[in-house]
Structure formats: structure tokens, C-alpha cells
PDB file of N, CA and C in Angstrom:
ATOM      1  N   MET A   1    -250.822  95.625  25.932  1.00  0.00           N
ATOM      2  CA  MET A   1    -250.037  95.904  27.115  1.00  0.00           C
ATOM      3  C   MET A   1    -249.254  97.201  26.971  1.00  0.00           C
ATOM      4  N   VAL A   2    -248.655  97.402  25.776  1.00  0.00           N
ATOM      5  CA  VAL A   2    -247.887  98.619  25.536  1.00  0.00           C
ATOM      6  C   VAL A   2    -248.786  99.834  25.617  1.00  0.00           C
ATOM      7  N   SER A   3    -249.972  99.738  25.057  1.00  0.00           N
ATOM      8  CA  SER A   3    -250.874 100.882  25.111  1.00  0.00           C
ATOM      9  C   SER A   3    -251.310 101.153  26.545  1.00  0.00           C
ATOM     10  N   GLY A   4    -251.441 100.124  27.357  1.00  0.00           N
ATOM     11  CA  GLY A   4    -251.797 100.304  28.760  1.00  0.00           C
ATOM     12  C   GLY A   4    -250.708 101.027  29.516  1.00  0.00           C
ATOM     13  N   VAL A   5    -249.445 100.711  29.228  1.00  0.00           N
ATOM     14  CA  VAL A   5    -248.315 101.397  29.868  1.00  0.00           C
ATOM     15  C   VAL A   5    -248.277 102.850  29.414  1.00  0.00           C
ATOM     16  N   GLY A   6    -248.531 103.064  28.130  1.00  0.00           N
ATOM     17  CA  GLY A   6    -248.546 104.423  27.593  1.00  0.00           C
ATOM     18  C   GLY A   6    -249.613 105.275  28.253  1.00  0.00           C
ATOM     19  N   GLU A   7    -250.803 104.705  28.421  1.00  0.00           N
ATOM     20  CA  GLU A   7    -251.898 105.427  29.072  1.00  0.00           C
ATOM     21  C   GLU A   7    -251.556 105.727  30.533  1.00  0.00           C
ATOM     22  N   SER A   8    -250.949 104.765  31.176  1.00  0.00           N
ATOM     23  CA  SER A   8    -250.567 104.950  32.581  1.00  0.00           C
ATOM     24  C   SER A   8    -249.553 106.082  32.712  1.00  0.00           C
ATOM     25  N   LEU A   9    -248.584 106.116  31.808  1.00  0.00           N
ATOM     26  CA  LEU A   9    -247.585 107.194  31.818  1.00  0.00           C
ATOM     27  C   LEU A   9    -248.231 108.547  31.548  1.00  0.00           C
ATOM     28  N   LYS A  10    -249.164 108.595  30.616  1.00  0.00           N
ATOM     29  CA  LYS A  10    -249.860 109.844  30.323  1.00  0.00           C
ATOM     30  C   LYS A  10    -250.614 110.350  31.558  1.00  0.00           C
ATOM     31  N   GLN A  11    -251.311 109.432  32.242  1.00  0.00           N
ATOM     32  CA  GLN A  11    -252.066 109.823  33.435  1.00  0.00           C
ATOM     33  C   GLN A  11    -251.124 110.303  34.548  1.00  0.00           C
ATOM     34  N   THR A  12    -249.986 109.595  34.713  1.00  0.00           N
ATOM     35  CA  THR A  12    -249.030 109.986  35.741  1.00  0.00           C
ATOM     36  C   THR A  12    -248.442 111.360  35.421  1.00  0.00           C
ATOM     37  N   ALA A  13    -248.062 111.580  34.158  1.00  0.00           N
ATOM     38  CA  ALA A  13    -247.512 112.871  33.750  1.00  0.00           C
ATOM     39  C   ALA A  13    -248.537 113.969  33.936  1.00  0.00           C
ATOM     40  N   SER A  14    -249.790 113.668  33.606  1.00  0.00           N
ATOM     41  CA  SER A  14    -250.856 114.658  33.755  1.00  0.00           C
ATOM     42  C   SER A  14    -251.067 115.005  35.230  1.00  0.00           C
ATOM     43  N   SER A  15    -251.007 114.000  36.094  1.00  0.00           N
ATOM     44  CA  SER A  15    -251.217 114.286  37.516  1.00  0.00           C
ATOM     45  C   SER A  15    -250.043 115.073  38.091  1.00  0.00           C
ATOM     46  N   TYR A  16    -248.815 114.758  37.656  1.00  0.00           N
ATOM     47  CA  TYR A  16    -247.658 115.547  38.113  1.00  0.00           C
ATOM     48  C   TYR A  16    -247.744 116.988  37.615  1.00  0.00           C
ATOM     49  N   GLN A  17    -248.113 117.128  36.350  1.00  0.00           N
ATOM     50  CA  GLN A  17    -248.231 118.475  35.770  1.00  0.00           C
ATOM     51  C   GLN A  17    -249.312 119.254  36.485  1.00  0.00           C
ATOM     52  N   SER A  18    -250.392 118.604  36.794  1.00  0.00           N
ATOM     53  CA  SER A  18    -251.490 119.241  37.512  1.00  0.00           C
ATOM     54  C   SER A  18    -251.064 119.623  38.930  1.00  0.00           C
ATOM     55  N   ALA A  19    -250.322 118.737  39.589  1.00  0.00           N
ATOM     56  CA  ALA A  19    -249.872 119.010  40.956  1.00  0.00           C
ATOM     57  C   ALA A  19    -248.865 120.155  40.988  1.00  0.00           C
ATOM     58  N   LEU A  20    -248.048 120.256  39.942  1.00  0.00           N
ATOM     59  CA  LEU A  20    -247.016 121.298  39.914  1.00  0.00           C
ATOM     60  C   LEU A  20    -247.569 122.667  39.514  1.00  0.00           C
ATOM     61  N   THR A  21    -248.693 122.689  38.842  1.00  0.00           N
ATOM     62  CA  THR A  21    -249.219 123.974  38.378  1.00  0.00           C
ATOM     63  C   THR A  21    -250.390 124.492  39.201  1.00  0.00           C
ATOM     64  N   THR A  22    -250.950 123.663  40.051  1.00  0.00           N
ATOM     65  CA  THR A  22    -252.091 124.103  40.874  1.00  0.00           C
ATOM     66  C   THR A  22    -251.803 123.787  42.332  1.00  0.00           C
ATOM     67  N   GLY A  23    -252.531 124.418  43.186  1.00  0.00           N
ATOM     68  CA  GLY A  23    -252.423 124.130  44.615  1.00  0.00           C
ATOM     69  C   GLY A  23    -251.166 124.707  45.234  1.00  0.00           C
ATOM     70  N   ALA A  24    -250.792 124.156  46.386  1.00  0.00           N
ATOM     71  CA  ALA A  24    -249.658 124.675  47.166  1.00  0.00           C
ATOM     72  C   ALA A  24    -248.347 124.558  46.397  1.00  0.00           C
ATOM     73  N   HIS A  25    -248.167 123.424  45.692  1.00  0.00           N
ATOM     74  CA  HIS A  25    -246.923 123.249  44.936  1.00  0.00           C
ATOM     75  C   HIS A  25    -246.821 124.278  43.802  1.00  0.00           C
ATOM     76  N   GLY A  26    -247.925 124.477  43.129  1.00  0.00           N
ATOM     77  CA  GLY A  26    -247.945 125.453  42.039  1.00  0.00           C
ATOM     78  C   GLY A  26    -247.658 126.864  42.538  1.00  0.00           C
ATOM     79  N   ASP A  27    -248.266 127.199  43.665  1.00  0.00           N
ATOM     80  CA  ASP A  27    -248.034 128.519  44.259  1.00  0.00           C
ATOM     81  C   ASP A  27    -246.573 128.693  44.668  1.00  0.00           C
ATOM     82  N   ALA A  28    -245.997 127.636  45.267  1.00  0.00           N
ATOM     83  CA  ALA A  28    -244.587 127.700  45.688  1.00  0.00           C
ATOM     84  C   ALA A  28    -243.667 127.847  44.482  1.00  0.00           C
ATOM     85  N   ILE A  29    -243.974 127.115  43.414  1.00  0.00           N
ATOM     86  CA  ILE A  29    -243.154 127.218  42.204  1.00  0.00           C
ATOM     87  C   ILE A  29    -243.287 128.611  41.593  1.00  0.00           C
ATOM     88  N   SER A  30    -244.488 129.147  41.561  1.00  0.00           N
ATOM     89  CA  SER A  30    -244.690 130.499  41.023  1.00  0.00           C
ATOM     90  C   SER A  30    -243.944 131.536  41.848  1.00  0.00           C
ATOM     91  N   ALA A  31    -244.007 131.402  43.185  1.00  0.00           N
ATOM     92  CA  ALA A  31    -243.308 132.350  44.053  1.00  0.00           C
ATOM     93  C   ALA A  31    -241.794 132.241  43.862  1.00  0.00           C
ATOM     94  N   SER A  32    -241.294 131.004  43.771  1.00  0.00           N
ATOM     95  CA  SER A  32    -239.854 130.807  43.560  1.00  0.00           C
ATOM     96  C   SER A  32    -239.415 131.375  42.218  1.00  0.00           C
ATOM     97  N   THR A  33    -240.233 131.166  41.210  1.00  0.00           N
ATOM     98  CA  THR A  33    -239.915 131.692  39.879  1.00  0.00           C
ATOM     99  C   THR A  33    -239.873 133.214  39.902  1.00  0.00           C
ATOM    100  N   ALA A  34    -240.826 133.821  40.583  1.00  0.00           N
ATOM    101  CA  ALA A  34    -240.846 135.286  40.684  1.00  0.00           C
ATOM    102  C   ALA A  34    -239.617 135.795  41.438  1.00  0.00           C
ATOM    103  N   GLN A  35    -239.240 135.088  42.516  1.00  0.00           N
ATOM    104  CA  GLN A  35    -238.042 135.492  43.266  1.00  0.00           C
ATOM    105  C   GLN A  35    -236.786 135.357  42.418  1.00  0.00           C
ATOM    106  N   LEU A  36    -236.681 134.247  41.675  1.00  0.00           N
ATOM    107  CA  LEU A  36    -235.517 134.058  40.793  1.00  0.00           C
ATOM    108  C   LEU A  36    -235.446 135.161  39.733  1.00  0.00           C
ATOM    109  N   ALA A  37    -236.598 135.508  39.171  1.00  0.00           N
ATOM    110  CA  ALA A  37    -236.633 136.571  38.168  1.00  0.00           C
ATOM    111  C   ALA A  37    -236.193 137.898  38.789  1.00  0.00           C
ATOM    112  N   GLN A  38    -236.653 138.178  40.011  1.00  0.00           N
ATOM    113  CA  GLN A  38    -236.266 139.421  40.689  1.00  0.00           C
ATOM    114  C   GLN A  38    -234.776 139.434  40.999  1.00  0.00           C
ATOM    115  N   HIS A  39    -234.248 138.293  41.465  1.00  0.00           N
ATOM    116  CA  HIS A  39    -232.806 138.204  41.732  1.00  0.00           C
ATOM    117  C   HIS A  39    -232.005 138.420  40.446  1.00  0.00           C
ATOM    118  N   GLY A  40    -232.523 137.879  39.358  1.00  0.00           N
ATOM    119  CA  GLY A  40    -231.858 138.073  38.062  1.00  0.00           C
ATOM    120  C   GLY A  40    -231.848 139.542  37.665  1.00  0.00           C
ATOM    121  N   GLN A  41    -232.965 140.225  37.850  1.00  0.00           N
ATOM    122  CA  GLN A  41    -233.038 141.659  37.541  1.00  0.00           C
ATOM    123  C   GLN A  41    -232.079 142.452  38.429  1.00  0.00           C
ATOM    124  N   ASN A  42    -232.034 142.097  39.729  1.00  0.00           N
ATOM    125  CA  ASN A  42    -231.118 142.782  40.649  1.00  0.00           C
ATOM    126  C   ASN A  42    -229.661 142.559  40.241  1.00  0.00           C
ATOM    127  N   ALA A  43    -229.354 141.331  39.839  1.00  0.00           N
ATOM    128  CA  ALA A  43    -227.983 141.017  39.418  1.00  0.00           C
ATOM    129  C   ALA A  43    -227.608 141.806  38.159  1.00  0.00           C
ATOM    130  N   LEU A  44    -228.532 141.881  37.213  1.00  0.00           N
ATOM    131  CA  LEU A  44    -228.263 142.649  35.994  1.00  0.00           C
ATOM    132  C   LEU A  44    -228.082 144.133  36.293  1.00  0.00           C
ATOM    133  N   SER A  45    -228.891 144.659  37.188  1.00  0.00           N
ATOM    134  CA  SER A  45    -228.753 146.068  37.567  1.00  0.00           C
ATOM    135  C   SER A  45    -227.416 146.323  38.252  1.00  0.00           C
ATOM    136  N   ALA A  46    -227.028 145.420  39.149  1.00  0.00           N
ATOM    137  CA  ALA A  46    -225.742 145.566  39.840  1.00  0.00           C
ATOM    138  C   ALA A  46    -224.587 145.469  38.860  1.00  0.00           C
ATOM    139  N   LEU A  47    -224.687 144.552  37.901  1.00  0.00           N
ATOM    140  CA  LEU A  47    -223.643 144.412  36.883  1.00  0.00           C
ATOM    141  C   LEU A  47    -223.549 145.669  36.026  1.00  0.00           C
ATOM    142  N   LYS A  48    -224.701 146.203  35.625  1.00  0.00           N
ATOM    143  CA  LYS A  48    -224.714 147.432  34.823  1.00  0.00           C
ATOM    144  C   LYS A  48    -224.084 148.582  35.597  1.00  0.00           C
ATOM    145  N   ASP A  49    -224.423 148.706  36.875  1.00  0.00           N
ATOM    146  CA  ASP A  49    -223.856 149.769  37.710  1.00  0.00           C
ATOM    147  C   ASP A  49    -222.343 149.600  37.860  1.00  0.00           C
ATOM    148  N   ALA A  50    -221.897 148.366  38.058  1.00  0.00           N
ATOM    149  CA  ALA A  50    -220.459 148.107  38.222  1.00  0.00           C
ATOM    150  C   ALA A  50    -219.697 148.432  36.941  1.00  0.00           C
ATOM    151  N   VAL A  51    -220.216 148.002  35.798  1.00  0.00           N
ATOM    152  CA  VAL A  51    -219.551 148.277  34.521  1.00  0.00           C
ATOM    153  C   VAL A  51    -219.534 149.776  34.246  1.00  0.00           C
ATOM    154  N   THR A  52    -220.636 150.451  34.527  1.00  0.00           N
ATOM    155  CA  THR A  52    -220.695 151.903  34.340  1.00  0.00           C
ATOM    156  C   THR A  52    -219.671 152.600  35.223  1.00  0.00           C
ATOM    157  N   ASP A  53    -219.571 152.173  36.476  1.00  0.00           N
ATOM    158  CA  ASP A  53    -218.606 152.765  37.400  1.00  0.00           C
ATOM    159  C   ASP A  53    -217.171 152.522  36.935  1.00  0.00           C
ATOM    160  N   ILE A  54    -216.879 151.301  36.498  1.00  0.00           N
ATOM    161  CA  ILE A  54    -215.533 150.973  36.011  1.00  0.00           C
ATOM    162  C   ILE A  54    -215.193 151.817  34.783  1.00  0.00           C
ATOM    163  N   LEU A  55    -216.119 151.918  33.845  1.00  0.00           N
ATOM    164  CA  LEU A  55    -215.863 152.717  32.634  1.00  0.00           C
ATOM    165  C   LEU A  55    -215.686 154.191  32.978  1.00  0.00           C
ATOM    166  N   ARG A  56    -216.509 154.701  33.895  1.00  0.00           N
ATOM    167  CA  ARG A  56    -216.405 156.106  34.291  1.00  0.00           C
ATOM    168  C   ARG A  56    -215.032 156.370  34.921  1.00  0.00           C
ATOM    169  N   LYS A  57    -214.605 155.482  35.821  1.00  0.00           N
ATOM    170  CA  LYS A  57    -213.295 155.657  36.471  1.00  0.00           C
ATOM    171  C   LYS A  57    -212.153 155.501  35.467  1.00  0.00           C
ATOM    172  N   SER A  58    -212.304 154.580  34.529  1.00  0.00           N
ATOM    173  CA  SER A  58    -211.268 154.395  33.504  1.00  0.00           C
ATOM    174  C   SER A  58    -211.145 155.636  32.629  1.00  0.00           C
ATOM    175  N   LEU A  59    -212.284 156.169  32.205  1.00  0.00           N
ATOM    176  CA  LEU A  59    -212.253 157.374  31.370  1.00  0.00           C
ATOM    177  C   LEU A  59    -211.684 158.557  32.150  1.00  0.00           C
ATOM    178  N   TYR A  60    -212.019 158.655  33.429  1.00  0.00           N
ATOM    179  CA  TYR A  60    -211.465 159.725  34.259  1.00  0.00           C
ATOM    180  C   TYR A  60    -209.945 159.591  34.349  1.00  0.00           C
ATOM    181  N   SER A  61    -209.474 158.349  34.531  1.00  0.00           N
ATOM    182  CA  SER A  61    -208.029 158.120  34.622  1.00  0.00           C
ATOM    183  C   SER A  61    -207.338 158.473  33.310  1.00  0.00           C
ATOM    184  N   VAL A  62    -207.943 158.085  32.192  1.00  0.00           N
ATOM    185  CA  VAL A  62    -207.358 158.395  30.882  1.00  0.00           C
ATOM    186  C   VAL A  62    -207.331 159.905  30.675  1.00  0.00           C
ATOM    187  N   ASN A  63    -208.425 160.575  30.997  1.00  0.00           N
ATOM    188  CA  ASN A  63    -208.474 162.028  30.831  1.00  0.00           C
ATOM    189  C   ASN A  63    -207.480 162.720  31.759  1.00  0.00           C
ATOM    190  N   SER A  64    -207.355 162.212  32.964  1.00  0.00           N
ATOM    191  CA  SER A  64    -206.395 162.778  33.909  1.00  0.00           C
ATOM    192  C   SER A  64    -204.976 162.601  33.381  1.00  0.00           C
ATOM    193  N   PHE A  65    -204.689 161.412  32.849  1.00  0.00           N
ATOM    194  CA  PHE A  65    -203.367 161.149  32.277  1.00  0.00           C
ATOM    195  C   PHE A  65    -203.102 162.072  31.093  1.00  0.00           C
ATOM    196  N   LYS A  66    -204.100 162.196  30.199  1.00  0.00           N
ATOM    197  CA  LYS A  66    -203.917 163.071  29.030  1.00  0.00           C
ATOM    198  C   LYS A  66    -203.686 164.510  29.477  1.00  0.00           C
ATOM    199  N   SER A  67    -204.427 164.942  30.494  1.00  0.00           N
ATOM    200  CA  SER A  67    -204.274 166.304  30.992  1.00  0.00           C
ATOM    201  C   SER A  67    -202.872 166.518  31.560  1.00  0.00           C
ATOM    202  N   LYS A  68    -202.393 165.564  32.363  1.00  0.00           N
ATOM    203  CA  LYS A  68    -201.044 165.679  32.922  1.00  0.00           C
ATOM    204  C   LYS A  68    -199.995 165.635  31.825  1.00  0.00           C
ATOM    205  N   PHE A  69    -200.194 164.738  30.854  1.00  0.00           N
ATOM    206  CA  PHE A  69    -199.259 164.628  29.746  1.00  0.00           C
ATOM    207  C   PHE A  69    -199.225 165.929  28.957  1.00  0.00           C
ATOM    208  N   PHE A  70    -200.384 166.519  28.718  1.00  0.00           N
ATOM    209  CA  PHE A  70    -200.464 167.770  27.979  1.00  0.00           C
ATOM    210  C   PHE A  70    -199.750 168.887  28.729  1.00  0.00           C
ATOM    211  N   ARG A  71    -199.941 168.944  30.061  1.00  0.00           N
ATOM    212  CA  ARG A  71    -199.247 169.962  30.859  1.00  0.00           C
ATOM    213  C   ARG A  71    -197.742 169.750  30.797  1.00  0.00           C
ATOM    214  N   LEU A  72    -197.307 168.491  30.860  1.00  0.00           N
ATOM    215  CA  LEU A  72    -195.873 168.202  30.759  1.00  0.00           C
ATOM    216  C   LEU A  72    -195.347 168.623  29.396  1.00  0.00           C
ATOM    217  N   ASP A  73    -196.123 168.353  28.372  1.00  0.00           N
ATOM    218  CA  ASP A  73    -195.725 168.702  27.021  1.00  0.00           C
ATOM    219  C   ASP A  73    -195.594 170.216  26.877  1.00  0.00           C
ATOM    220  N   ILE A  74    -196.525 170.965  27.418  1.00  0.00           N
ATOM    221  CA  ILE A  74    -196.470 172.428  27.345  1.00  0.00           C
ATOM    222  C   ILE A  74    -195.262 172.952  28.113  1.00  0.00           C
ATOM    223  N   SER A  75    -195.028 172.411  29.300  1.00  0.00           N
ATOM    224  CA  SER A  75    -193.876 172.904  30.059  1.00  0.00           C
ATOM    225  C   SER A  75    -192.572 172.526  29.363  1.00  0.00           C
ATOM    226  N   PHE A  76    -192.530 171.378  28.700  1.00  0.00           N
ATOM    227  CA  PHE A  76    -191.334 170.991  27.956  1.00  0.00           C
ATOM    228  C   PHE A  76    -191.088 171.964  26.806  1.00  0.00           C
ATOM    229  N   VAL A  77    -192.143 172.267  26.050  1.00  0.00           N
ATOM    230  CA  VAL A  77    -192.018 173.203  24.928  1.00  0.00           C
ATOM    231  C   VAL A  77    -191.602 174.574  25.445  1.00  0.00           C
ATOM    232  N   SER A  78    -192.184 174.986  26.542  1.00  0.00           N
ATOM    233  CA  SER A  78    -191.838 176.272  27.135  1.00  0.00           C
ATOM    234  C   SER A  78    -190.367 176.301  27.531  1.00  0.00           C
ATOM    235  N   GLU A  79    -189.894 175.222  28.126  1.00  0.00           N
ATOM    236  CA  GLU A  79    -188.490 175.153  28.532  1.00  0.00           C
ATOM    237  C   GLU A  79    -187.568 175.173  27.315  1.00  0.00           C
ATOM    238  N   VAL A  80    -187.939 174.440  26.274  1.00  0.00           N
ATOM    239  CA  VAL A  80    -187.128 174.424  25.051  1.00  0.00           C
ATOM    240  C   VAL A  80    -187.075 175.823  24.440  1.00  0.00           C
ATOM    241  N   LEU A  81    -188.229 176.484  24.378  1.00  0.00           N
ATOM    242  CA  LEU A  81    -188.249 177.837  23.798  1.00  0.00           C
ATOM    243  C   LEU A  81    -187.411 178.804  24.626  1.00  0.00           C
ATOM    244  N   THR A  82    -187.477 178.678  25.925  1.00  0.00           N
ATOM    245  CA  THR A  82    -186.652 179.522  26.789  1.00  0.00           C
ATOM    246  C   THR A  82    -185.180 179.270  26.529  1.00  0.00           C
ATOM    247  N   ASN A  83    -184.791 178.017  26.405  1.00  0.00           N
ATOM    248  CA  ASN A  83    -183.390 177.679  26.131  1.00  0.00           C
ATOM    249  C   ASN A  83    -182.951 178.181  24.761  1.00  0.00           C
ATOM    250  N   VAL A  84    -183.831 178.072  23.773  1.00  0.00           N
ATOM    251  CA  VAL A  84    -183.505 178.593  22.438  1.00  0.00           C
ATOM    252  C   VAL A  84    -183.343 180.100  22.499  1.00  0.00           C
ATOM    253  N   GLN A  85    -184.234 180.754  23.237  1.00  0.00           N
ATOM    254  CA  GLN A  85    -184.142 182.209  23.380  1.00  0.00           C
ATOM    255  C   GLN A  85    -182.825 182.591  24.051  1.00  0.00           C
ATOM    256  N   VAL A  86    -182.460 181.888  25.094  1.00  0.00           N
ATOM    257  CA  VAL A  86    -181.192 182.154  25.788  1.00  0.00           C
ATOM    258  C   VAL A  86    -180.024 181.933  24.839  1.00  0.00           C
ATOM    259  N   LEU A  87    -180.078 180.861  24.078  1.00  0.00           N
ATOM    260  CA  LEU A  87    -178.996 180.591  23.123  1.00  0.00           C
ATOM    261  C   LEU A  87    -178.905 181.681  22.066  1.00  0.00           C
ATOM    262  N   LEU A  88    -180.055 182.133  21.557  1.00  0.00           N
ATOM    263  CA  LEU A  88    -180.049 183.183  20.557  1.00  0.00           C
ATOM    264  C   LEU A  88    -179.522 184.486  21.132  1.00  0.00           C
ATOM    265  N   LEU A  89    -179.958 184.812  22.331  1.00  0.00           N
ATOM    266  CA  LEU A  89    -179.469 186.033  22.973  1.00  0.00           C
ATOM    267  C   LEU A  89    -177.963 185.934  23.229  1.00  0.00           C
ATOM    268  N   THR A  90    -177.558 184.771  23.704  1.00  0.00           N
ATOM    269  CA  THR A  90    -176.136 184.566  23.960  1.00  0.00           C
ATOM    270  C   THR A  90    -175.364 184.650  22.645  1.00  0.00           C
ATOM    271  N   HIS A  91    -175.885 184.078  21.601  1.00  0.00           N
ATOM    272  CA  HIS A  91    -175.204 184.094  20.316  1.00  0.00           C
ATOM    273  C   HIS A  91    -175.126 185.520  19.773  1.00  0.00           C
ATOM    274  N   ASN A  92    -176.227 186.309  19.923  1.00  0.00           N
ATOM    275  CA  ASN A  92    -176.229 187.686  19.455  1.00  0.00           C
ATOM    276  C   ASN A  92    -175.266 188.553  20.259  1.00  0.00           C
ATOM    277  N   VAL A  93    -175.155 188.298  21.530  1.00  0.00           N
ATOM    278  CA  VAL A  93    -174.253 189.067  22.381  1.00  0.00           C
ATOM    279  C   VAL A  93    -172.807 188.781  21.996  1.00  0.00           C
ATOM    280  N   MET A  94    -172.510 187.560  21.647  1.00  0.00           N
ATOM    281  CA  MET A  94    -171.146 187.163  21.315  1.00  0.00           C
ATOM    282  C   MET A  94    -170.713 187.720  19.951  1.00  0.00           C
ATOM    283  N   GLN A  95    -171.626 188.049  19.110  1.00  0.00           N
ATOM    284  CA  GLN A  95    -171.222 188.548  17.788  1.00  0.00           C
ATOM    285  C   GLN A  95    -170.844 189.969  17.817  1.00  0.00           C
TER     286      GLN A  95
END
């Protein structure tokens, strides 16, 4: 009896597997699988583009900040040197 149930299950599994891989059902599954794969590729491409865009904008912001900071630093040094020069000139005049 057990072997009869086992054989019946094997035949049922074989018929389901056959139905899913051939004919209209098989074609529909293949088409759905291809569409899912394409959607996955599109999603990966969109993710790559988004990450690239975010990194590009982040690097631009960092470079812009560094550039502004550098300009501020130069103008600060320039102002300090001007003040030192004024102090030295003033000190020399007073002597």
C-alpha cells in the first residue's frame, strides 16, 4: 500500500512538473520569469544610477565646501598679514 501511494505521488508530481514546463502554463511561467529578470535588471540599473548621482552630488558638495573654506582661509591670512603690516608700520613710525 505504501509503495502504491509513493508511485501515485511520483506520477502526480511528474504530471505537475510536465504541466508547468510545457504547454501554455510553461510558456506563461517562462514569460513571467523573463519579465521578472528584466524588472530586476532595470531596478539594479536605477539603483546604480541613483547611487552614482548621490555620490557625485556629495563629492561636488564636499569640493565646493573645501573650495569655499580655502578661500576663507586665504582671505583670513591676507587680513592677518595686512594687520601685522599695519602694526609694524605703526610701530616703526612711533619709534
